[in-house]
Amino acid sequence: MDKDKLTKVVEAARLYYQLDYSQQEIAKKLAVSRPTVSRLLKQAKAEGVVEIKIHDPSQDVHMLSSELADLFGLLETRVAIVPQFEDDLVKKHIGKIAADYLNTAIQDNDLIGVSWGTTLNEIGKNLRHKLLKNVSVVQLNGGISYSETNTYAYEVIQMLGRAFHATSHFLPVPAIVDHLLVKQTMEEDRHIRRVLDMGRNANIALFSVGIPTNDSVIVQADYVSKEELEVIHTRSVGEICSRFFDEKGKLIHKELNERTIGIDLQELSTKEKSILAAGGPKKVEAIYGALEGGYANVLITDHFTARALLEKKKQGRDKQ
């Protein structure tokens, strides 16, 4: 192809594919006929000037899901496509696909243990009603008595209870107490002990992850001392059920963990389905730590977070 012809082919392709000119507009601009423009565009593809690639988001999500399951040893994964990697948007999309997953996964006779938080609230809002028999929902960990942010502890259990026609069981105690003796005394109460035992015996667990920032509900609740807070900020990447862990999923403060009321993280790993629903740019490290700790066998997240997790896992393998 001579230089002048190539120049026209490139210019026609640029106007059509990059600048969204119509073929009639290109013909006028290049002072040629419309059939000539059509021939130039066909030649652009034939000569490799233009390459057409079709990106199928659903295929991308399927590949991400499979790779996540393989690399992290998960039973199942669900990945939401989100238009923007922004926390509130991510929560809304995760809420929808997590609710769809639960509507399929929850069956008669299931005992569902749930934590609380804004992500779980989004899931609850998207649940469809499903008539089931002998299903119960139980709170996995203590709540927050004071916080500027609503934890939705009560609302989450109520929404799951309504959706699945389940009996609801609440844990009316703080997430963390000041002294181990206080925790032991509370757990001696037969009503509280019964709810805690139900959480341990639940075959399904649903939870998210929190991050150790100054605006987290645990920090706002003033449950931890300045010394403990320093350890949390320097060593922790996240928390599940108010229990803080590092990037390998290991608990970071033995004494603080002993004062925390609710399910132990190791007990989550024994569930038939231990479902972690979380995503967003701020939670990648926390989700990674939770997966490294083996606390979840089902992950529901967004496609940006999924890619970040895979990249982090691969980088970790390369360093070994």
Protein backbone atom coordinates (compact mmCIF):
# COMPACT_ATOMS: atom_id res chain seq x y z
CA MET A 1 0.00 0.00 0.00
CA ASP A 2 1.45 3.38 -1.01
CA LYS A 3 1.98 6.11 1.58
CA ASP A 4 -0.93 8.33 0.46
CA LYS A 5 -3.38 5.41 0.54
CA LEU A 6 -2.15 4.32 3.98
CA THR A 7 -2.57 7.88 5.27
CA LYS A 8 -6.21 7.91 4.12
CA VAL A 9 -6.88 4.48 5.61
CA VAL A 10 -5.46 5.53 9.01
CA GLU A 11 -7.30 8.86 8.96
CA ALA A 12 -10.63 7.23 8.10
CA ALA A 13 -10.14 4.64 10.84
CA ARG A 14 -9.19 7.29 13.40
CA LEU A 15 -12.23 9.42 12.59
CA TYR A 16 -14.60 6.45 12.65
CA TYR A 17 -13.38 4.39 15.60
CA GLN A 18 -11.82 7.01 17.88
CA LEU A 19 -13.78 10.18 17.16
CA ASP A 20 -17.17 8.61 16.34
CA TYR A 21 -17.60 10.33 12.96
CA SER A 22 -20.26 8.84 10.70
CA GLN A 23 -19.18 7.49 7.31
CA GLN A 24 -20.98 10.38 5.62
CA GLU A 25 -19.09 12.91 7.76
CA ILE A 26 -15.78 11.19 6.98
CA ALA A 27 -16.55 11.25 3.25
CA LYS A 28 -17.14 15.00 3.42
CA LYS A 29 -13.99 15.63 5.48
CA LEU A 30 -11.76 13.53 3.21
CA ALA A 31 -13.48 14.70 -0.01
CA VAL A 32 -14.31 11.15 -1.11
CA SER A 33 -17.51 9.19 -1.67
CA ARG A 34 -19.22 7.23 1.12
CA PRO A 35 -18.53 3.85 -0.63
CA THR A 36 -14.86 4.84 -0.68
CA VAL A 37 -14.96 5.41 3.09
CA SER A 38 -16.49 1.97 3.56
CA ARG A 39 -13.67 0.44 1.50
CA LEU A 40 -11.05 2.36 3.51
CA LEU A 41 -12.48 1.04 6.80
CA LYS A 42 -12.56 -2.53 5.50
CA GLN A 43 -8.97 -2.17 4.36
CA ALA A 44 -8.01 -0.80 7.78
CA LYS A 45 -9.17 -4.07 9.38
CA ALA A 46 -7.65 -6.22 6.63
CA GLU A 47 -4.23 -4.55 6.94
CA GLY A 48 -4.20 -4.68 10.76
CA VAL A 49 -4.51 -0.92 11.19
CA VAL A 50 -7.63 -1.61 13.27
CA GLU A 51 -8.15 -4.60 15.56
CA ILE A 52 -11.63 -5.33 16.88
CA LYS A 53 -11.77 -6.95 20.33
CA ILE A 54 -15.00 -7.94 22.04
CA HIS A 55 -14.83 -7.93 25.82
CA ASP A 56 -17.46 -10.10 27.47
CA PRO A 57 -17.79 -9.01 31.15
CA SER A 58 -19.61 -12.20 32.09
CA GLN A 59 -16.75 -14.31 30.73
CA ASP A 60 -14.26 -12.15 32.64
CA VAL A 61 -16.22 -12.64 35.87
CA HIS A 62 -16.36 -16.39 35.33
CA MET A 63 -12.58 -16.53 34.90
CA LEU A 64 -11.99 -14.35 37.97
CA SER A 65 -14.30 -16.54 40.05
CA SER A 66 -12.56 -19.74 38.97
CA GLU A 67 -9.10 -18.35 39.60
CA LEU A 68 -10.05 -17.02 43.03
CA ALA A 69 -11.46 -20.40 44.03
CA ASP A 70 -8.34 -22.21 42.81
CA LEU A 71 -5.74 -19.92 44.36
CA PHE A 72 -7.45 -19.47 47.74
CA GLY A 73 -8.98 -22.95 48.04
CA LEU A 74 -12.60 -21.75 48.12
CA LEU A 75 -15.72 -23.83 47.61
CA GLU A 76 -17.54 -21.08 45.73
CA THR A 77 -17.07 -17.50 44.59
CA ARG A 78 -19.39 -14.82 43.26
CA VAL A 79 -18.00 -11.69 41.58
CA ALA A 80 -20.05 -8.57 40.88
CA ILE A 81 -19.27 -6.22 38.00
CA VAL A 82 -19.22 -2.67 39.37
CA PRO A 83 -19.04 0.50 37.27
CA GLN A 84 -16.59 2.21 39.62
CA PHE A 85 -14.25 1.09 42.41
CA GLU A 86 -16.00 3.12 45.09
CA ASP A 87 -17.04 1.76 48.49
CA ASP A 88 -20.75 2.60 48.49
CA LEU A 89 -21.26 1.38 44.92
CA VAL A 90 -19.37 -1.82 45.64
CA LYS A 91 -21.53 -2.54 48.70
CA LYS A 92 -24.72 -2.10 46.72
CA HIS A 93 -23.63 -4.50 43.97
CA ILE A 94 -22.26 -7.05 46.43
CA GLY A 95 -25.54 -6.78 48.32
CA LYS A 96 -27.46 -7.82 45.22
CA ILE A 97 -25.37 -10.82 44.19
CA ALA A 98 -24.94 -11.98 47.80
CA ALA A 99 -28.71 -11.87 48.29
CA ASP A 100 -29.19 -13.90 45.10
CA TYR A 101 -26.64 -16.41 46.34
CA LEU A 102 -28.34 -16.75 49.73
CA ASN A 103 -31.76 -17.20 48.16
CA THR A 104 -30.34 -20.23 46.37
CA ALA A 105 -28.05 -21.53 49.11
CA ILE A 106 -30.34 -21.38 52.17
CA GLN A 107 -32.45 -24.52 52.57
CA ASP A 108 -34.83 -26.10 55.09
CA ASN A 109 -33.32 -26.78 58.55
CA ASP A 110 -30.40 -24.39 58.10
CA LEU A 111 -29.02 -22.52 61.11
CA ILE A 112 -27.56 -19.23 59.88
CA GLY A 113 -25.06 -17.27 61.96
CA VAL A 114 -24.69 -13.61 60.97
CA SER A 115 -22.53 -10.68 61.95
CA TRP A 116 -23.52 -7.07 61.37
CA GLY A 117 -22.46 -4.02 59.34
CA THR A 118 -23.34 -1.92 56.30
CA THR A 119 -22.48 -4.62 53.75
CA LEU A 120 -24.75 -7.14 55.45
CA ASN A 121 -27.46 -4.50 55.61
CA GLU A 122 -27.26 -4.16 51.80
CA ILE A 123 -27.60 -7.92 51.49
CA GLY A 124 -30.65 -7.95 53.75
CA LYS A 125 -32.37 -5.22 51.72
CA ASN A 126 -32.04 -7.29 48.53
CA LEU A 127 -33.29 -10.64 49.85
CA ARG A 128 -36.37 -12.19 48.26
CA HIS A 129 -38.89 -14.10 50.31
CA LYS A 130 -38.41 -17.86 50.28
CA LEU A 131 -40.75 -20.11 52.23
CA LEU A 132 -38.59 -22.48 54.26
CA LYS A 133 -39.09 -24.78 57.23
CA ASN A 134 -37.20 -24.92 60.50
CA VAL A 135 -34.66 -22.17 59.69
CA SER A 136 -33.10 -20.01 62.40
CA VAL A 137 -30.92 -16.90 62.28
CA VAL A 138 -28.55 -16.14 65.14
CA GLN A 139 -26.23 -13.21 65.91
CA LEU A 140 -22.59 -14.36 65.89
CA ASN A 141 -20.98 -11.62 67.96
CA GLY A 142 -21.82 -8.90 70.44
CA GLY A 143 -23.04 -5.51 69.31
CA ILE A 144 -21.97 -1.91 69.75
CA SER A 145 -23.61 0.10 72.52
CA TYR A 146 -22.36 3.43 71.16
CA SER A 147 -21.41 4.39 67.64
CA GLU A 148 -21.98 7.33 65.31
CA THR A 149 -22.41 4.73 62.55
CA ASN A 150 -25.39 2.38 62.52
CA THR A 151 -24.16 -1.22 62.73
CA TYR A 152 -27.55 -2.65 61.65
CA ALA A 153 -27.11 -5.60 64.05
CA TYR A 154 -30.85 -5.82 64.77
CA GLU A 155 -31.98 -4.98 61.23
CA VAL A 156 -29.79 -7.60 59.51
CA ILE A 157 -31.16 -10.46 61.61
CA GLN A 158 -34.72 -9.19 61.19
CA MET A 159 -34.41 -8.99 57.40
CA LEU A 160 -32.98 -12.52 57.12
CA GLY A 161 -35.65 -13.78 59.49
CA ARG A 162 -38.45 -12.25 57.39
CA ALA A 163 -36.99 -13.40 54.07
CA PHE A 164 -36.62 -17.03 55.10
CA HIS A 165 -39.51 -17.19 57.59
CA ALA A 166 -36.87 -17.98 60.21
CA THR A 167 -36.73 -17.67 63.98
CA SER A 168 -34.40 -14.84 65.05
CA HIS A 169 -32.01 -15.02 68.01
CA PHE A 170 -30.15 -11.93 69.23
CA LEU A 171 -27.01 -11.61 71.34
CA PRO A 172 -27.70 -8.64 73.67
CA VAL A 173 -24.13 -8.10 74.92
CA PRO A 174 -21.23 -5.79 74.00
CA ALA A 175 -18.71 -6.84 71.37
CA ILE A 176 -15.81 -6.34 73.78
CA VAL A 177 -15.80 -5.91 77.56
CA ASP A 178 -13.22 -4.35 79.88
CA HIS A 179 -12.31 -7.47 81.84
CA LEU A 180 -12.17 -11.18 81.14
CA LEU A 181 -14.13 -11.83 84.34
CA VAL A 182 -17.01 -9.71 82.97
CA LYS A 183 -17.10 -11.81 79.81
CA GLN A 184 -17.03 -15.05 81.78
CA THR A 185 -19.88 -13.85 83.98
CA MET A 186 -22.00 -12.88 80.97
CA GLU A 187 -21.38 -16.22 79.28
CA GLU A 188 -22.55 -18.06 82.39
CA ASP A 189 -26.05 -16.70 81.83
CA ARG A 190 -28.01 -19.57 80.30
CA HIS A 191 -29.81 -17.38 77.74
CA ILE A 192 -26.58 -15.82 76.45
CA ARG A 193 -24.81 -19.18 76.49
CA ARG A 194 -27.63 -20.68 74.43
CA VAL A 195 -27.28 -18.02 71.72
CA LEU A 196 -23.48 -18.38 71.67
CA ASP A 197 -23.82 -22.15 71.32
CA MET A 198 -26.26 -21.68 68.44
CA GLY A 199 -23.68 -19.51 66.66
CA ARG A 200 -21.01 -22.17 67.14
CA ASN A 201 -23.36 -24.86 65.84
CA ALA A 202 -24.61 -22.88 62.83
CA ASN A 203 -23.93 -24.69 59.57
CA ILE A 204 -23.88 -21.40 57.65
CA ALA A 205 -22.04 -18.21 58.64
CA LEU A 206 -22.44 -14.85 56.88
CA PHE A 207 -20.07 -12.00 57.68
CA SER A 208 -18.02 -9.15 56.27
CA VAL A 209 -14.71 -7.56 57.30
CA GLY A 210 -14.00 -4.27 59.04
CA ILE A 211 -10.83 -2.24 58.75
CA PRO A 212 -8.84 -0.74 61.67
CA THR A 213 -9.31 2.95 60.91
CA ASN A 214 -10.17 5.74 63.33
CA ASP A 215 -13.75 5.87 62.02
CA SER A 216 -14.41 2.13 62.48
CA VAL A 217 -17.31 1.32 64.78
CA ILE A 218 -15.09 -0.69 67.14
CA VAL A 219 -12.75 2.27 67.62
CA GLN A 220 -15.64 4.71 67.97
CA ALA A 221 -17.22 2.51 70.62
CA ASP A 222 -14.22 3.15 72.89
CA TYR A 223 -13.85 -0.56 73.70
CA VAL A 224 -10.05 -0.61 73.44
CA SER A 225 -7.30 1.20 75.33
CA LYS A 226 -4.77 3.54 73.69
CA GLU A 227 -2.13 0.81 73.91
CA GLU A 228 -4.43 -1.74 72.30
CA LEU A 229 -5.42 0.77 69.65
CA GLU A 230 -1.77 1.30 68.76
CA VAL A 231 -1.31 -2.46 68.30
CA ILE A 232 -4.44 -2.60 66.15
CA HIS A 233 -3.28 0.26 63.92
CA THR A 234 0.27 -1.07 63.50
CA ARG A 235 -0.32 -4.81 63.16
CA SER A 236 -3.91 -5.41 62.08
CA VAL A 237 -5.29 -5.34 58.54
CA GLY A 238 -8.89 -6.08 59.49
CA GLU A 239 -11.44 -7.60 61.84
CA ILE A 240 -14.18 -10.18 61.65
CA CYS A 241 -16.76 -10.36 64.42
CA SER A 242 -14.67 -7.78 66.34
CA ARG A 243 -11.56 -9.99 66.31
CA PHE A 244 -8.50 -8.35 64.74
CA PHE A 245 -5.99 -10.19 62.54
CA ASP A 246 -2.88 -9.52 60.47
CA GLU A 247 -2.18 -10.04 56.75
CA LYS A 248 -1.71 -13.78 57.33
CA GLY A 249 -5.00 -14.04 59.21
CA LYS A 250 -3.39 -14.48 62.62
CA LEU A 251 -5.00 -12.84 65.65
CA ILE A 252 -2.92 -9.89 66.79
CA HIS A 253 -3.82 -9.32 70.46
CA LYS A 254 -4.41 -12.32 72.72
CA GLU A 255 -5.74 -10.38 75.71
CA LEU A 256 -8.12 -8.28 73.61
CA ASN A 257 -9.35 -11.39 71.82
CA GLU A 258 -10.08 -13.05 75.17
CA ARG A 259 -12.33 -10.10 76.11
CA THR A 260 -14.30 -10.32 72.86
CA ILE A 261 -17.73 -11.93 73.00
CA GLY A 262 -18.86 -14.07 70.11
CA ILE A 263 -17.72 -16.78 67.77
CA ASP A 264 -13.99 -17.59 67.50
CA LEU A 265 -12.57 -17.12 64.01
CA GLN A 266 -11.29 -20.70 63.89
CA GLU A 267 -14.89 -21.85 64.34
CA LEU A 268 -15.85 -20.04 61.13
CA SER A 269 -13.53 -22.28 59.13
CA THR A 270 -15.46 -25.38 60.22
CA LYS A 271 -18.80 -24.26 58.77
CA GLU A 272 -20.47 -26.00 55.86
CA LYS A 273 -20.61 -22.56 54.25
CA SER A 274 -18.59 -19.72 55.72
CA ILE A 275 -19.57 -16.76 53.52
CA LEU A 276 -17.42 -13.63 53.38
CA ALA A 277 -19.14 -10.75 51.56
CA ALA A 278 -16.87 -7.74 51.13
CA GLY A 279 -15.15 -5.54 48.58
CA GLY A 280 -13.90 -2.06 47.80
CA PRO A 281 -10.50 -0.35 47.68
CA LYS A 282 -10.18 -0.03 51.47
CA LYS A 283 -10.84 -3.70 52.20
CA VAL A 284 -8.47 -5.58 49.91
CA GLU A 285 -5.87 -6.17 52.65
CA ALA A 286 -8.52 -7.26 55.16
CA ILE A 287 -10.17 -9.69 52.73
CA TYR A 288 -6.78 -11.11 51.79
CA GLY A 289 -5.91 -11.67 55.46
CA ALA A 290 -9.26 -13.35 56.08
CA LEU A 291 -8.73 -15.71 53.15
CA GLU A 292 -5.15 -16.46 54.20
CA GLY A 293 -6.48 -17.31 57.65
CA GLY A 294 -8.94 -19.77 56.10
CA TYR A 295 -11.95 -18.16 57.78
CA ALA A 296 -14.13 -18.25 54.64
CA ASN A 297 -14.85 -20.94 52.07
CA VAL A 298 -17.26 -18.79 50.04
CA LEU A 299 -16.26 -15.31 48.81
CA ILE A 300 -18.64 -12.71 47.38
CA THR A 301 -16.84 -9.61 46.11
CA ASP A 302 -16.47 -7.21 43.15
CA HIS A 303 -14.30 -7.61 40.07
CA PHE A 304 -11.82 -4.86 41.01
CA THR A 305 -11.22 -6.44 44.41
CA ALA A 306 -11.01 -9.89 42.82
CA ARG A 307 -8.22 -8.74 40.51
CA ALA A 308 -6.38 -7.06 43.39
CA LEU A 309 -6.60 -10.23 45.49
CA LEU A 310 -5.29 -12.39 42.66
CA GLU A 311 -2.41 -10.01 42.01
CA LYS A 312 -1.49 -9.93 45.69
CA LYS A 313 -1.60 -13.72 45.92
CA LYS A 314 0.61 -14.13 42.86
CA GLN A 315 3.11 -11.55 44.15
CA GLY A 316 3.28 -13.45 47.44
CA ARG A 317 4.04 -16.68 45.59
CA ASP A 318 6.75 -15.01 43.52
CA LYS A 319 8.54 -13.86 46.68
CA GLN A 320 8.66 -17.38 48.11
